[in-house]
Amino acid sequence: MLILIFIVGTLLGVLLGGALCVRYLRQEVTASIVPRLRLIQLQLDNLESTVNLALMTRYTELSGGHLPNERTRQVSAGPST
């Protein structure tokens, strides 16, 4: 009977120790991943803003009828007489 008490105590100790280790490891892994995820999210937001700006600029140029090289064509052709 005494051996059974020691075995149950040992198993209970191992179980609680493992649970404590798992909880600690989860906290450490989460703590190291969160800053990287925030940095990646900021980079993606920056990229999205840049692409949106480029698309809107191009859309404005096309809808306004002004092509980017229109002025250079007029200058290189010379004045029309």
C-alpha atoms as a PDB file:
ATOM      1  CA  MET A   1       0.000   0.000   0.000  1.00  0.00           C
ATOM      2  CA  LEU A   2       2.886   2.368   0.773  1.00  0.00           C
ATOM      3  CA  ILE A   3       4.412   1.779  -2.667  1.00  0.00           C
ATOM      4  CA  LEU A   4       1.074   2.587  -4.311  1.00  0.00           C
ATOM      5  CA  ILE A   5       0.962   5.953  -2.495  1.00  0.00           C
ATOM      6  CA  PHE A   6       4.483   6.794  -3.697  1.00  0.00           C
ATOM      7  CA  ILE A   7       3.650   5.802  -7.274  1.00  0.00           C
ATOM      8  CA  VAL A   8       0.468   7.928  -7.291  1.00  0.00           C
ATOM      9  CA  GLY A   9       2.394  10.871  -5.772  1.00  0.00           C
ATOM     10  CA  THR A  10       5.157  10.532  -8.350  1.00  0.00           C
ATOM     11  CA  LEU A  11       2.700  10.363 -11.248  1.00  0.00           C
ATOM     12  CA  LEU A  12       0.799  13.363  -9.905  1.00  0.00           C
ATOM     13  CA  GLY A  13       4.063  15.317  -9.558  1.00  0.00           C
ATOM     14  CA  VAL A  14       5.130  14.456 -13.096  1.00  0.00           C
ATOM     15  CA  LEU A  15       1.721  15.464 -14.445  1.00  0.00           C
ATOM     16  CA  LEU A  16       1.708  18.829 -12.648  1.00  0.00           C
ATOM     17  CA  GLY A  17       5.338  19.490 -13.586  1.00  0.00           C
ATOM     18  CA  GLY A  18       4.614  18.747 -17.247  1.00  0.00           C
ATOM     19  CA  ALA A  19       1.582  21.029 -17.220  1.00  0.00           C
ATOM     20  CA  LEU A  20       3.671  23.814 -15.702  1.00  0.00           C
ATOM     21  CA  CYS A  21       6.412  23.347 -18.312  1.00  0.00           C
ATOM     22  CA  VAL A  22       3.912  23.376 -21.176  1.00  0.00           C
ATOM     23  CA  ARG A  23       2.339  26.568 -19.865  1.00  0.00           C
ATOM     24  CA  TYR A  24       5.755  28.246 -19.529  1.00  0.00           C
ATOM     25  CA  LEU A  25       6.856  27.131 -22.996  1.00  0.00           C
ATOM     26  CA  ARG A  26       3.624  28.440 -24.556  1.00  0.00           C
ATOM     27  CA  GLN A  27       4.182  31.840 -22.947  1.00  0.00           C
ATOM     28  CA  GLU A  28       7.774  32.003 -24.170  1.00  0.00           C
ATOM     29  CA  VAL A  29       6.913  30.955 -27.723  1.00  0.00           C
ATOM     30  CA  THR A  30       4.072  33.474 -27.881  1.00  0.00           C
ATOM     31  CA  ALA A  31       6.307  36.222 -26.496  1.00  0.00           C
ATOM     32  CA  SER A  32       8.910  35.664 -29.218  1.00  0.00           C
ATOM     33  CA  ILE A  33       6.417  35.392 -32.103  1.00  0.00           C
ATOM     34  CA  VAL A  34       4.163  38.397 -31.395  1.00  0.00           C
ATOM     35  CA  PRO A  35       6.772  41.132 -32.108  1.00  0.00           C
ATOM     36  CA  ARG A  36       7.688  39.474 -35.410  1.00  0.00           C
ATOM     37  CA  LEU A  37       4.043  39.229 -36.404  1.00  0.00           C
ATOM     38  CA  ARG A  38       3.543  42.922 -35.646  1.00  0.00           C
ATOM     39  CA  LEU A  39       6.569  43.823 -37.772  1.00  0.00           C
ATOM     40  CA  ILE A  40       5.320  41.706 -40.667  1.00  0.00           C
ATOM     41  CA  GLN A  41       1.848  43.279 -40.366  1.00  0.00           C
ATOM     42  CA  LEU A  42       3.374  46.774 -40.496  1.00  0.00           C
ATOM     43  CA  GLN A  43       5.382  45.847 -43.590  1.00  0.00           C
ATOM     44  CA  LEU A  44       2.279  44.447 -45.279  1.00  0.00           C
ATOM     45  CA  ASP A  45       0.314  47.600 -44.448  1.00  0.00           C
ATOM     46  CA  ASN A  46       3.104  49.726 -45.907  1.00  0.00           C
ATOM     47  CA  LEU A  47       3.179  47.624 -49.068  1.00  0.00           C
ATOM     48  CA  GLU A  48      -0.609  47.834 -49.408  1.00  0.00           C
ATOM     49  CA  SER A  49      -0.515  51.624 -49.076  1.00  0.00           C
ATOM     50  CA  THR A  50       2.205  51.891 -51.709  1.00  0.00           C
ATOM     51  CA  VAL A  51       0.314  49.698 -54.170  1.00  0.00           C
ATOM     52  CA  ASN A  52      -2.929  51.626 -53.565  1.00  0.00           C
ATOM     53  CA  LEU A  53      -1.133  54.931 -54.162  1.00  0.00           C
ATOM     54  CA  ALA A  54       0.392  53.662 -57.394  1.00  0.00           C
ATOM     55  CA  LEU A  55      -2.943  52.306 -58.622  1.00  0.00           C
ATOM     56  CA  MET A  56      -4.841  55.477 -57.786  1.00  0.00           C
ATOM     57  CA  THR A  57      -2.178  57.616 -59.449  1.00  0.00           C
ATOM     58  CA  ARG A  58      -2.347  55.521 -62.590  1.00  0.00           C
ATOM     59  CA  TYR A  59      -6.152  55.525 -62.552  1.00  0.00           C
ATOM     60  CA  THR A  60      -6.193  59.319 -62.186  1.00  0.00           C
ATOM     61  CA  GLU A  61      -3.783  59.714 -65.097  1.00  0.00           C
ATOM     62  CA  LEU A  62      -5.870  57.441 -67.322  1.00  0.00           C
ATOM     63  CA  SER A  63      -9.247  58.906 -66.379  1.00  0.00           C
ATOM     64  CA  GLY A  64      -8.001  62.478 -66.809  1.00  0.00           C
ATOM     65  CA  GLY A  65      -6.793  61.772 -70.323  1.00  0.00           C
ATOM     66  CA  HIS A  66      -3.217  62.682 -69.478  1.00  0.00           C
ATOM     67  CA  LEU A  67      -0.612  60.124 -70.335  1.00  0.00           C
ATOM     68  CA  PRO A  68       2.702  60.320 -68.503  1.00  0.00           C
ATOM     69  CA  ASN A  69       4.760  60.838 -71.692  1.00  0.00           C
ATOM     70  CA  GLU A  70       2.394  63.316 -73.395  1.00  0.00           C
ATOM     71  CA  ARG A  71       4.521  66.366 -72.543  1.00  0.00           C
ATOM     72  CA  THR A  72       7.744  64.752 -73.724  1.00  0.00           C
ATOM     73  CA  ARG A  73       6.149  63.941 -77.092  1.00  0.00           C
ATOM     74  CA  GLN A  74       5.129  67.567 -77.603  1.00  0.00           C
ATOM     75  CA  VAL A  75       8.576  68.853 -76.687  1.00  0.00           C
ATOM     76  CA  SER A  76      10.439  66.371 -78.885  1.00  0.00           C
ATOM     77  CA  ALA A  77       8.150  67.019 -81.896  1.00  0.00           C
ATOM     78  CA  GLY A  78       8.884  70.729 -81.717  1.00  0.00           C
ATOM     79  CA  PRO A  79       6.405  73.557 -82.071  1.00  0.00           C
ATOM     80  CA  SER A  80       3.730  73.030 -84.670  1.00  0.00           C
ATOM     81  CA  THR A  81       3.684  75.741 -87.340  1.00  0.00           C
END
